Amino acid sequence: MQMFCYQCEQTTNGSGCVDLGICGKDPQVAALQDLLVHATKGISMLAHRAAKLGKRDAAIDRFVIQALFATVTNVDFDAARLQEHLTEAAAMRDRARRLYEDACKSAGKSAETLNGPTTWQPKQDIDGLVGQGRLVAITSRRAELAEDIVGLQELVLYGLKGTAAYAEHAAVLGHEDAEVYAITHEALDFLTKPQPAVADLLAWALKVGELNLKVMALLYGANSGVYGVPTPTQVRISHVKGKCILVSGHDLHDLGELLKQTEGKGINIYTHGEMLPCHAYPELKKYKHLVGNYGGAWQDQKREFSQFPGAILMTTNCIQKPKEDYKGRIFTTGMVAWPGVDHIGDNKDFTPVIEAALAAPGFAEDEAEKNILVGFGHQAILGVADKVIDAVKAGKIRHFFLVGGCDGAELGRNYYTDFTKQVPDDCVILTLACGKFRFNKLDFGDIGGIPRLLDLGQCNDAYSAIQVASALANAFNCGVNDLPLSLIVSWYEQKAVAILLTLLHLGIKNVRLGPKLPAFVTPNVLNVLVENFNIMPISTPEADLAKILG
């Protein structure tokens, strides 16, 4: 059995994974994920029409973003769990049909006769579902539509997937917006059109970028509303003696619940990967047993998890196939899943994680203390905006570089380390997401008391970067593209696609993207992006710096 997937940066030979996903996704899981996307489109076709008539259903809305989230790279690898999602999808589709028909009846209108994804009926076993999934895979559209069309459909879809992940994080904390769901349904409905125009697809890509900006603002409000506004914080990156749990992924709510349940139990909690910024939130760092960050980005987890002497909790995407030496002490929760790994349900009872931590040896002794500084969200930076602006006017700060995004294992990502090392001493580096682990332990010093490396937070904190850029543009009475600011972005999965679309929606130009351009962006589409936004691939640190700084 073969598959076809090119939704991540590491796809085989830059063209598409066909035998086994680089992420570890096999053809069976790939087909089930393709079918789940297909089923979700059918739900949204009906929900979109119901919404236009003033009817919506919160359960349907939430399911659609969760289903999309489940298909993001490195989230759900469990065929049995995907089967459960598909069974629920069929029920939700029927519920959406009733919602639409009731809306039509209330409005005195006749319901449209809809086909395609709305007529799908699930097979009763996994093999049958896999067969259905292969019929609606990307390859089926590639056989019927021009490559430019298919690539743009995927660009829109991947942006929606990334946006859905952020929307789910916000929803978990009680922050939702009906308009977010309505636009998501409309976009998925659009993706079912049989012969979409290139211009319409490009317009929808930018509309998804606009949607993602709204969702990132929603998530920022959720995180800061529940856990406080992030503040600059020193984080220990060396371990301490004692029993321990490592928390990886992105979800602040899961970490908060675990901290509550482990308080007073003699267990130290460490963050990993994109959870590092959690140390800057007042309502999380108040827990004394949140002792530090362990390790680096997601792609190093097999080595780091093997060496970690405690339990491990994966809260969102980023999971890789667990090695046998820690498979018995790693747990998943939320949308993330791996076959054979214990999953913590929606009740968030982390007792099994706690018991595994107490049974593990823990660290035998303290490691020499080392710290790094995090917590420079836009409110922290704008709090000293006058100093930053004065430093720019005085010529002490020549340029700002936003260097961040997803990290990965693919060759070429040392570019970002080399680039930051070569950034002149009179320039400031902003960073976010796990791409920062390529350089965030280096000492960049400061400029007049302003740290030269400012960690904005997680990938969704691109929202903070946008707020900082907008504030600087206002202060200097110019456009963002006229600022001494350059974006050097690394991408891996679909949340990075959503953020890129947001930048394009805002009209931000001259983004340098790497390590390589998306396989689903065809040469013709790339030409459009270059003509309109001057988006470009990275080259070498020396050449890029010389061109940027003149």
Protein backbone atom coordinates (compact mmCIF):
# COMPACT_ATOMS: atom_id res chain seq x y z
CA MET A 1 0.00 0.00 0.00
CA GLN A 2 1.25 3.47 -0.84
CA MET A 3 0.31 6.95 0.32
CA PHE A 4 0.96 10.49 -0.75
CA CYS A 5 1.60 13.31 1.69
CA TYR A 6 3.52 16.56 1.27
CA GLN A 7 2.07 18.68 4.05
CA CYS A 8 5.33 19.07 6.04
CA GLU A 9 8.76 20.50 5.24
CA GLN A 10 10.59 17.19 5.59
CA THR A 11 8.62 15.34 2.94
CA THR A 12 10.70 12.80 1.02
CA ASN A 13 12.95 14.34 -1.62
CA GLY A 14 10.98 17.56 -1.37
CA SER A 15 8.16 16.04 -3.40
CA GLY A 16 6.00 13.77 -1.22
CA CYS A 17 6.12 10.74 1.07
CA VAL A 18 4.76 7.62 -0.65
CA ASP A 19 5.88 4.55 1.31
CA LEU A 20 6.16 5.91 4.84
CA GLY A 21 5.89 9.41 6.17
CA ILE A 22 9.11 11.00 7.41
CA CYS A 23 7.06 11.81 10.52
CA GLY A 24 6.34 8.11 11.04
CA LYS A 25 2.85 8.13 9.53
CA ASP A 26 2.14 4.89 7.66
CA PRO A 27 -0.15 4.48 4.61
CA GLN A 28 -3.01 3.22 6.79
CA VAL A 29 -2.96 6.28 9.05
CA ALA A 30 -2.46 8.57 6.05
CA ALA A 31 -5.60 7.20 4.38
CA LEU A 32 -7.64 7.52 7.57
CA GLN A 33 -6.52 11.12 8.00
CA ASP A 34 -7.41 11.90 4.36
CA LEU A 35 -10.85 10.39 4.95
CA LEU A 36 -11.30 12.43 8.14
CA VAL A 37 -10.57 15.63 6.22
CA HIS A 38 -13.07 14.53 3.54
CA ALA A 39 -15.72 13.80 6.17
CA THR A 40 -15.07 17.14 7.85
CA LYS A 41 -15.66 18.95 4.56
CA GLY A 42 -19.08 17.27 4.37
CA ILE A 43 -19.97 18.46 7.87
CA SER A 44 -18.91 22.00 7.03
CA MET A 45 -20.87 22.07 3.77
CA LEU A 46 -24.02 21.62 5.83
CA ALA A 47 -22.95 23.74 8.81
CA HIS A 48 -21.98 26.63 6.51
CA ARG A 49 -25.42 26.68 4.91
CA ALA A 50 -27.10 26.43 8.30
CA ALA A 51 -25.01 29.33 9.61
CA LYS A 52 -26.06 31.53 6.70
CA LEU A 53 -29.64 30.94 7.88
CA GLY A 54 -28.75 31.86 11.45
CA LYS A 55 -28.33 28.36 12.93
CA ARG A 56 -25.18 26.91 14.49
CA ASP A 57 -24.33 24.02 16.79
CA ALA A 58 -21.44 24.34 19.24
CA ALA A 59 -20.73 20.60 19.21
CA ILE A 60 -20.44 20.55 15.42
CA ASP A 61 -18.17 23.61 15.44
CA ARG A 62 -15.82 22.14 18.03
CA PHE A 63 -15.67 18.74 16.33
CA VAL A 64 -14.58 20.26 13.02
CA ILE A 65 -11.56 22.05 14.50
CA GLN A 66 -10.62 18.97 16.53
CA ALA A 67 -10.82 16.77 13.44
CA LEU A 68 -8.60 19.13 11.48
CA PHE A 69 -6.19 19.31 14.42
CA ALA A 70 -5.96 15.50 14.51
CA THR A 71 -4.55 15.51 10.96
CA VAL A 72 -1.76 18.02 11.66
CA THR A 73 1.73 16.53 11.37
CA ASN A 74 2.91 14.63 14.47
CA VAL A 75 -0.48 14.57 16.21
CA ASP A 76 -2.52 11.36 15.81
CA PHE A 77 -0.85 8.18 14.60
CA ASP A 78 -3.37 5.77 16.14
CA ALA A 79 -5.59 4.04 13.55
CA ALA A 80 -8.09 2.90 16.20
CA ARG A 81 -8.50 6.43 17.52
CA LEU A 82 -8.89 7.78 13.98
CA GLN A 83 -11.62 5.21 13.43
CA GLU A 84 -13.43 6.63 16.46
CA HIS A 85 -13.11 10.13 15.01
CA LEU A 86 -14.58 8.91 11.72
CA THR A 87 -17.52 7.27 13.46
CA GLU A 88 -18.17 10.53 15.28
CA ALA A 89 -17.75 12.44 12.02
CA ALA A 90 -20.59 10.48 10.44
CA ALA A 91 -22.82 11.25 13.42
CA MET A 92 -21.84 14.93 13.30
CA ARG A 93 -22.55 15.06 9.58
CA ASP A 94 -26.06 13.72 10.21
CA ARG A 95 -26.48 16.24 13.01
CA ALA A 96 -25.36 19.03 10.68
CA ARG A 97 -27.86 17.88 8.05
CA ARG A 98 -30.69 18.08 10.57
CA LEU A 99 -29.46 21.52 11.63
CA TYR A 100 -29.49 22.72 8.02
CA GLU A 101 -32.88 21.23 7.26
CA ASP A 102 -34.38 22.80 10.39
CA ALA A 103 -32.81 26.14 9.43
CA CYS A 104 -34.37 25.89 5.96
CA LYS A 105 -37.76 25.05 7.44
CA SER A 106 -37.58 28.02 9.80
CA ALA A 107 -36.61 30.30 6.92
CA GLY A 108 -39.25 28.89 4.60
CA LYS A 109 -36.65 27.72 2.10
CA SER A 110 -35.92 24.44 0.36
CA ALA A 111 -32.70 22.64 1.31
CA GLU A 112 -30.11 22.21 -1.42
CA THR A 113 -29.40 18.70 -2.66
CA LEU A 114 -25.75 18.21 -1.72
CA ASN A 115 -23.44 15.44 -2.83
CA GLY A 116 -19.75 14.64 -2.40
CA PRO A 117 -18.55 14.56 1.22
CA THR A 118 -22.09 14.97 2.57
CA THR A 119 -23.08 11.53 1.23
CA TRP A 120 -20.15 9.55 2.65
CA GLN A 121 -21.07 6.58 4.83
CA PRO A 122 -18.34 4.99 6.95
CA LYS A 123 -17.31 1.36 6.52
CA GLN A 124 -17.49 -0.71 9.66
CA ASP A 125 -13.84 -1.77 9.88
CA ILE A 126 -10.48 -0.04 9.53
CA ASP A 127 -9.60 -1.78 6.26
CA GLY A 128 -12.83 -0.53 4.72
CA LEU A 129 -12.19 2.98 5.96
CA VAL A 130 -8.65 2.89 4.59
CA GLY A 131 -10.06 1.92 1.20
CA GLN A 132 -12.42 4.89 1.34
CA GLY A 133 -9.58 7.15 2.36
CA ARG A 134 -7.48 6.18 -0.63
CA LEU A 135 -10.31 7.22 -2.95
CA VAL A 136 -10.32 10.77 -1.59
CA ALA A 137 -6.56 11.25 -1.15
CA ILE A 138 -4.62 14.08 -2.80
CA THR A 139 -3.75 11.71 -5.63
CA SER A 140 -7.40 11.51 -6.67
CA ARG A 141 -7.50 15.28 -7.22
CA ARG A 142 -4.08 15.34 -8.85
CA ALA A 143 -5.47 13.00 -11.49
CA GLU A 144 -8.31 15.42 -12.28
CA LEU A 145 -7.06 18.95 -11.60
CA ALA A 146 -4.04 21.04 -12.58
CA GLU A 147 -1.13 20.83 -10.17
CA ASP A 148 -1.41 24.56 -9.41
CA ILE A 149 -5.02 24.09 -8.32
CA VAL A 150 -4.27 21.10 -6.10
CA GLY A 151 -1.29 22.84 -4.52
CA LEU A 152 -3.36 25.91 -3.71
CA GLN A 153 -6.16 23.75 -2.30
CA GLU A 154 -3.61 22.19 0.01
CA LEU A 155 -2.17 25.59 0.94
CA VAL A 156 -5.64 26.69 2.07
CA LEU A 157 -6.29 23.39 3.83
CA TYR A 158 -2.96 23.37 5.67
CA GLY A 159 -3.54 26.93 6.81
CA LEU A 160 -6.93 25.85 8.15
CA LYS A 161 -5.33 22.92 9.98
CA GLY A 162 -2.84 25.19 11.71
CA THR A 163 -5.53 27.69 12.59
CA ALA A 164 -7.73 24.90 13.95
CA ALA A 165 -4.96 23.81 16.31
CA TYR A 166 -4.75 27.31 17.78
CA ALA A 167 -8.54 27.56 17.95
CA GLU A 168 -8.70 24.32 19.92
CA HIS A 169 -6.09 25.56 22.41
CA ALA A 170 -8.21 28.67 22.95
CA ALA A 171 -11.46 26.70 23.19
CA VAL A 172 -10.00 24.48 25.92
CA LEU A 173 -9.58 27.66 27.98
CA GLY A 174 -13.14 28.78 27.25
CA HIS A 175 -12.34 31.33 24.54
CA GLU A 176 -14.31 30.83 21.32
CA ASP A 177 -15.65 33.01 18.53
CA ALA A 178 -18.62 32.04 16.36
CA GLU A 179 -17.10 33.87 13.39
CA VAL A 180 -14.01 31.65 13.53
CA TYR A 181 -16.16 28.56 13.15
CA ALA A 182 -18.31 30.17 10.44
CA ILE A 183 -15.29 31.08 8.29
CA THR A 184 -13.76 27.64 8.83
CA HIS A 185 -16.97 25.99 7.60
CA GLU A 186 -17.11 28.36 4.62
CA ALA A 187 -13.50 27.65 3.70
CA LEU A 188 -13.97 23.88 3.87
CA ASP A 189 -17.13 24.22 1.80
CA PHE A 190 -15.15 26.19 -0.78
CA LEU A 191 -12.57 23.40 -0.96
CA THR A 192 -15.28 21.04 -2.25
CA LYS A 193 -15.84 23.14 -5.40
CA PRO A 194 -15.10 20.99 -8.45
CA GLN A 195 -13.24 23.56 -10.59
CA PRO A 196 -11.97 26.40 -8.39
CA ALA A 197 -10.17 29.35 -10.00
CA VAL A 198 -6.58 30.16 -9.07
CA ALA A 199 -7.54 33.71 -8.14
CA ASP A 200 -10.26 32.45 -5.78
CA LEU A 201 -7.86 30.01 -4.15
CA LEU A 202 -5.26 32.71 -3.59
CA ALA A 203 -7.93 34.97 -2.13
CA TRP A 204 -8.98 32.19 0.25
CA ALA A 205 -5.35 31.59 1.28
CA LEU A 206 -5.13 35.22 2.40
CA LYS A 207 -8.54 34.98 4.07
CA VAL A 208 -7.26 31.99 6.07
CA GLY A 209 -4.29 34.17 7.05
CA GLU A 210 -6.73 36.80 8.28
CA LEU A 211 -8.66 34.13 10.18
CA ASN A 212 -5.46 32.85 11.79
CA LEU A 213 -4.59 36.36 12.99
CA LYS A 214 -7.99 36.52 14.69
CA VAL A 215 -7.45 33.11 16.25
CA MET A 216 -3.92 33.92 17.48
CA ALA A 217 -5.34 37.03 19.15
CA LEU A 218 -8.06 34.85 20.68
CA LEU A 219 -5.47 32.40 21.98
CA TYR A 220 -3.26 35.15 23.36
CA GLY A 221 -6.27 36.48 25.23
CA ALA A 222 -7.07 32.99 26.50
CA ASN A 223 -3.54 32.23 27.71
CA SER A 224 -2.92 35.63 29.30
CA GLY A 225 -6.47 35.86 30.63
CA VAL A 226 -6.19 32.58 32.52
CA TYR A 227 -2.48 32.49 33.36
CA GLY A 228 -1.51 36.17 33.41
CA VAL A 229 0.53 38.32 31.05
CA PRO A 230 3.98 36.80 30.37
CA THR A 231 6.88 38.64 32.00
CA PRO A 232 10.65 38.29 31.46
CA THR A 233 11.73 35.25 33.45
CA GLN A 234 14.95 33.34 34.04
CA VAL A 235 14.41 29.63 33.36
CA ARG A 236 16.70 26.92 34.66
CA ILE A 237 17.90 24.59 31.87
CA SER A 238 19.81 22.19 34.11
CA HIS A 239 18.14 19.46 36.13
CA VAL A 240 17.69 19.18 39.89
CA LYS A 241 17.62 16.15 42.15
CA GLY A 242 14.30 14.34 42.50
CA LYS A 243 11.37 12.58 40.85
CA CYS A 244 10.23 14.24 37.67
CA ILE A 245 7.71 14.67 34.84
CA LEU A 246 8.50 16.18 31.46
CA VAL A 247 5.73 18.04 29.60
CA SER A 248 6.05 18.57 25.86
CA GLY A 249 3.77 20.02 23.18
CA HIS A 250 1.99 23.39 23.39
CA ASP A 251 -1.01 23.24 25.73
CA LEU A 252 -0.91 25.52 28.78
CA HIS A 253 -4.12 24.08 30.21
CA ASP A 254 -2.66 20.58 30.44
CA LEU A 255 0.43 21.90 32.19
CA GLY A 256 -1.70 23.90 34.60
CA GLU A 257 -3.81 20.88 35.52
CA LEU A 258 -0.72 18.71 35.99
CA LEU A 259 0.88 21.31 38.24
CA LYS A 260 -2.24 21.36 40.42
CA GLN A 261 -2.36 17.58 40.68
CA THR A 262 1.34 17.19 41.50
CA GLU A 263 1.63 19.96 44.07
CA GLY A 264 3.04 18.61 47.32
CA LYS A 265 3.83 15.17 45.87
CA GLY A 266 7.59 15.65 45.66
CA ILE A 267 7.67 15.60 41.86
CA ASN A 268 9.50 18.23 39.84
CA ILE A 269 7.92 19.37 36.56
CA TYR A 270 10.03 20.25 33.53
CA THR A 271 8.93 21.75 30.24
CA HIS A 272 10.20 20.58 26.86
CA GLY A 273 10.14 22.13 23.39
CA GLU A 274 7.36 24.66 22.83
CA MET A 275 6.35 24.48 26.50
CA LEU A 276 9.44 26.53 27.46
CA PRO A 277 7.54 29.87 27.29
CA CYS A 278 5.11 28.62 29.97
CA HIS A 279 7.63 29.67 32.62
CA ALA A 280 6.84 33.33 31.86
CA TYR A 281 3.15 33.09 32.86
CA PRO A 282 2.54 34.21 36.49
CA GLU A 283 -0.16 31.63 37.24
CA LEU A 284 2.11 28.80 36.07
CA LYS A 285 5.48 29.89 37.42
CA LYS A 286 3.96 30.39 40.88
CA TYR A 287 4.25 26.62 41.33
CA LYS A 288 7.64 26.02 42.93
CA HIS A 289 7.87 22.50 41.52
CA LEU A 290 7.90 23.88 37.96
CA VAL A 291 11.67 23.80 38.15
CA GLY A 292 12.94 24.31 34.62
CA ASN A 293 13.17 23.27 30.98
CA TYR A 294 14.80 20.04 29.85
CA GLY A 295 16.21 19.45 26.39
CA GLY A 296 15.49 21.24 23.14
CA ALA A 297 13.11 20.94 20.21
CA TRP A 298 10.77 18.08 19.29
CA GLN A 299 13.07 16.31 16.82
CA ASP A 300 15.59 15.47 19.57
CA GLN A 301 13.01 13.74 21.75
CA LYS A 302 14.09 10.15 21.20
CA ARG A 303 17.52 10.83 22.66
CA GLU A 304 16.29 13.25 25.31
CA PHE A 305 13.31 11.16 26.43
CA SER A 306 15.53 8.08 26.72
CA GLN A 307 17.82 10.02 29.07
CA PHE A 308 15.03 11.61 31.09
CA PRO A 309 14.53 9.53 34.29
CA GLY A 310 10.84 10.21 34.80
CA ALA A 311 7.41 10.25 33.16
CA ILE A 312 6.66 12.16 29.96
CA LEU A 313 3.40 13.84 28.92
CA MET A 314 2.73 14.83 25.29
CA THR A 315 0.04 17.48 25.20
CA THR A 316 -0.26 18.29 21.48
CA ASN A 317 1.57 17.68 18.24
CA CYS A 318 5.33 16.95 18.19
CA ILE A 319 5.26 13.24 19.13
CA GLN A 320 7.57 10.81 17.35
CA LYS A 321 7.51 7.01 17.48
CA PRO A 322 8.48 6.22 21.08
CA LYS A 323 11.51 4.06 21.73
CA GLU A 324 10.93 0.92 23.79
CA ASP A 325 13.05 2.19 26.68
CA TYR A 326 10.51 4.91 27.49
CA LYS A 327 7.30 3.70 25.84
CA GLY A 328 5.99 2.54 29.22
CA ARG A 329 6.40 5.98 30.80
CA ILE A 330 5.19 8.28 28.04
CA PHE A 331 1.55 9.42 27.95
CA THR A 332 -0.59 11.39 25.51
CA THR A 333 -3.57 13.66 26.03
CA GLY A 334 -5.82 15.93 23.98
CA MET A 335 -5.71 15.27 20.24
CA VAL A 336 -2.29 13.58 20.24
CA ALA A 337 -2.10 9.77 20.16
CA TRP A 338 0.27 6.90 19.37
CA PRO A 339 -0.77 3.25 19.23
CA GLY A 340 0.17 1.39 22.40
CA VAL A 341 0.76 4.58 24.41
CA ASP A 342 -1.58 5.27 27.35
CA HIS A 343 -3.91 8.19 26.66
CA ILE A 344 -5.23 10.55 29.33
CA GLY A 345 -8.84 11.42 28.53
CA ASP A 346 -10.76 14.66 28.69
CA ASN A 347 -11.16 14.35 32.45
CA LYS A 348 -7.44 15.20 32.70
CA ASP A 349 -6.82 12.77 35.54
CA PHE A 350 -3.04 12.52 35.44
CA THR A 351 -2.80 9.84 38.12
CA PRO A 352 -1.13 7.32 35.75
CA VAL A 353 1.51 9.93 34.84
CA ILE A 354 2.14 10.69 38.51
CA GLU A 355 2.43 7.00 39.38
CA ALA A 356 4.90 6.45 36.54
CA ALA A 357 6.99 9.38 37.76
CA LEU A 358 7.08 8.04 41.31
CA ALA A 359 8.11 4.60 40.02
CA ALA A 360 10.95 6.02 37.91
CA PRO A 361 14.34 6.82 39.49
CA GLY A 362 14.34 10.57 38.91
CA PHE A 363 17.54 12.61 38.87
CA ALA A 364 20.11 11.43 41.42
CA GLU A 365 21.72 14.84 41.94
CA ASP A 366 21.64 18.48 40.97
CA GLU A 367 23.29 19.62 37.78
CA ALA A 368 25.27 22.87 37.81
CA GLU A 369 22.76 25.66 37.38
CA LYS A 370 22.32 27.28 33.97
CA ASN A 371 19.59 29.71 32.97
CA ILE A 372 18.11 31.41 29.91
CA LEU A 373 15.73 34.35 29.65
CA VAL A 374 12.18 34.05 28.22
CA GLY A 375 8.95 36.02 28.42
CA PHE A 376 9.31 38.93 26.01
CA GLY A 377 5.76 39.02 24.73
CA HIS A 378 4.60 42.22 23.08
CA GLN A 379 3.38 43.73 26.34
CA ALA A 380 6.81 43.30 27.92
CA ILE A 381 8.60 44.77 24.91
CA LEU A 382 6.15 47.63 24.45
CA GLY A 383 6.62 48.42 28.14
CA VAL A 384 10.13 49.60 27.26
CA ALA A 385 9.23 50.81 23.76
CA ASP A 386 10.55 54.30 24.48
CA LYS A 387 14.02 52.88 25.19
CA VAL A 388 13.91 50.75 22.05
CA ILE A 389 12.79 53.69 19.90
CA ASP A 390 15.44 55.97 21.41
CA ALA A 391 18.10 53.33 20.75
CA VAL A 392 17.04 53.11 17.09
CA LYS A 393 17.03 56.90 16.67
CA ALA A 394 20.46 57.14 18.31
CA GLY A 395 21.85 54.51 15.93
CA LYS A 396 22.51 52.04 18.74
CA ILE A 397 20.05 49.53 17.23
CA ARG A 398 20.56 49.26 13.48
CA HIS A 399 18.19 46.41 12.59
CA PHE A 400 15.74 43.87 14.00
CA PHE A 401 15.72 40.27 12.85
CA LEU A 402 12.82 37.93 13.59
CA VAL A 403 14.48 34.51 13.41
CA GLY A 404 12.11 31.73 14.39
CA GLY A 405 9.53 29.16 13.48
CA CYS A 406 9.46 25.38 13.53
CA ASP A 407 12.57 23.31 14.08
CA GLY A 408 13.16 19.95 12.43
CA ALA A 409 15.72 17.26 11.72
CA GLU A 410 16.29 18.04 8.04
CA LEU A 411 19.78 19.09 6.98
CA GLY A 412 20.19 22.82 6.46
CA ARG A 413 18.70 24.06 9.70
CA ASN A 414 22.15 24.94 11.03
CA TYR A 415 21.63 28.00 8.81
CA TYR A 416 19.61 29.59 11.63
CA THR A 417 22.37 29.05 14.18
CA ASP A 418 25.01 30.43 11.83
CA PHE A 419 22.79 33.35 10.87
CA THR A 420 22.22 34.51 14.45
CA LYS A 421 25.90 34.13 15.29
CA GLN A 422 26.73 36.46 12.41
CA VAL A 423 24.10 39.10 13.19
CA PRO A 424 26.08 42.29 14.04
CA ASP A 425 26.25 43.42 17.65
CA ASP A 426 24.15 46.51 16.95
CA CYS A 427 21.14 44.40 15.90
CA VAL A 428 18.36 42.79 17.96
CA ILE A 429 17.09 39.24 17.38
CA LEU A 430 13.43 38.43 18.06
CA THR A 431 12.55 34.76 18.20
CA LEU A 432 9.62 32.42 18.76
CA ALA A 433 8.60 28.76 18.44
CA CYS A 434 10.97 25.82 18.73
CA GLY A 435 13.28 27.10 16.00
CA LYS A 436 14.90 29.17 18.76
CA PHE A 437 16.52 26.07 20.24
CA ARG A 438 19.10 26.36 17.46
CA PHE A 439 20.56 29.41 19.22
CA ASN A 440 18.71 30.36 22.42
CA LYS A 441 21.47 29.12 24.71
CA LEU A 442 24.04 31.42 23.12
CA ASP A 443 25.05 34.64 24.89
CA PHE A 444 24.16 37.57 22.66
CA GLY A 445 24.63 40.26 25.30
CA ASP A 446 22.60 43.47 25.30
CA ILE A 447 22.36 46.94 23.79
CA GLY A 448 22.08 49.56 26.52
CA GLY A 449 20.32 47.09 28.81
CA ILE A 450 18.03 45.74 26.08
CA PRO A 451 18.76 42.02 25.58
CA ARG A 452 19.87 41.33 22.00
CA LEU A 453 17.83 38.08 22.03
CA LEU A 454 14.15 38.55 22.87
CA ASP A 455 12.12 35.33 23.16
CA LEU A 456 8.51 36.13 22.24
CA GLY A 457 7.17 32.67 23.11
CA GLN A 458 5.42 29.87 21.23
CA CYS A 459 4.68 29.75 17.51
CA ASN A 460 1.25 31.33 18.08
CA ASP A 461 3.06 34.28 19.67
CA ALA A 462 3.74 35.45 16.15
CA TYR A 463 0.79 37.58 17.26
CA SER A 464 3.15 39.37 19.66
CA ALA A 465 5.71 39.87 16.91
CA ILE A 466 3.02 41.47 14.75
CA GLN A 467 1.99 43.78 17.61
CA VAL A 468 5.61 44.85 18.17
CA ALA A 469 6.13 45.51 14.46
CA SER A 470 2.90 47.50 14.26
CA ALA A 471 3.85 49.60 17.29
CA LEU A 472 7.29 50.38 15.85
CA ALA A 473 5.74 51.30 12.50
CA ASN A 474 3.38 53.69 14.27
CA ALA A 475 6.23 55.20 16.29
CA PHE A 476 8.29 55.86 13.17
CA ASN A 477 5.28 56.86 11.09
CA CYS A 478 5.96 54.29 8.39
CA GLY A 479 4.70 50.94 7.13
CA VAL A 480 5.89 47.64 8.57
CA ASN A 481 7.73 46.92 5.31
CA ASP A 482 9.68 50.18 5.76
CA LEU A 483 10.99 49.22 9.20
CA PRO A 484 14.56 48.02 9.76
CA LEU A 485 13.04 44.57 10.32
CA SER A 486 13.67 41.31 8.47
CA LEU A 487 11.83 38.00 8.88
CA ILE A 488 13.90 34.84 8.65
CA VAL A 489 11.37 32.05 9.07
CA SER A 490 11.82 28.29 9.44
CA TRP A 491 8.80 26.11 8.80
CA TYR A 492 7.90 22.48 9.38
CA GLU A 493 4.18 21.88 9.78
CA GLN A 494 0.78 23.41 9.23
CA LYS A 495 0.80 25.98 12.02
CA ALA A 496 3.77 27.58 10.30
CA VAL A 497 1.74 27.62 7.08
CA ALA A 498 -1.07 29.43 8.89
CA ILE A 499 1.37 32.02 10.26
CA LEU A 500 2.93 32.55 6.84
CA LEU A 501 -0.54 33.18 5.39
CA THR A 502 -1.16 35.69 8.19
CA LEU A 503 2.00 37.58 7.27
CA LEU A 504 0.94 37.62 3.63
CA HIS A 505 -2.56 38.78 4.59
CA LEU A 506 -0.95 41.71 6.42
CA GLY A 507 1.02 42.58 3.30
CA ILE A 508 4.37 41.85 4.92
CA LYS A 509 6.99 41.39 2.24
CA ASN A 510 10.53 40.03 1.87
CA VAL A 511 10.02 37.00 4.14
CA ARG A 512 12.90 34.58 3.83
CA LEU A 513 11.61 31.02 4.22
CA GLY A 514 13.51 27.77 4.75
CA PRO A 515 15.15 25.36 4.96
CA LYS A 516 13.30 24.68 1.71
CA LEU A 517 10.09 25.87 0.14
CA PRO A 518 6.86 23.85 0.46
CA ALA A 519 6.49 20.99 -2.04
CA PHE A 520 2.83 21.88 -2.55
CA VAL A 521 3.70 25.38 -3.76
CA THR A 522 4.16 24.93 -7.51
CA PRO A 523 6.51 27.12 -9.57
CA ASN A 524 3.57 29.09 -10.96
CA VAL A 525 2.15 29.76 -7.50
CA LEU A 526 5.61 30.65 -6.19
CA ASN A 527 5.95 33.20 -8.97
CA VAL A 528 2.71 34.83 -7.80
CA LEU A 529 3.98 34.94 -4.21
CA VAL A 530 7.28 36.40 -5.34
CA GLU A 531 5.61 39.05 -7.51
CA ASN A 532 3.17 40.11 -4.79
CA PHE A 533 5.17 39.60 -1.60
CA ASN A 534 8.78 39.02 -2.66
CA ILE A 535 8.80 35.84 -0.59
CA MET A 536 12.11 34.04 -1.10
CA PRO A 537 14.08 30.99 0.03
CA ILE A 538 17.00 31.40 2.39
CA SER A 539 20.45 31.16 0.78
CA THR A 540 23.51 31.45 3.02
CA PRO A 541 23.77 33.52 6.21
CA GLU A 542 26.54 35.61 4.71
CA ALA A 543 24.69 36.37 1.49
CA ASP A 544 21.36 37.04 3.19
CA LEU A 545 22.88 39.35 5.80
CA ALA A 546 24.84 41.25 3.16
CA LYS A 547 21.69 41.79 1.10
CA ILE A 548 19.55 42.80 4.08
CA LEU A 549 22.05 45.18 5.65
CA GLY A 550 23.32 46.55 2.34
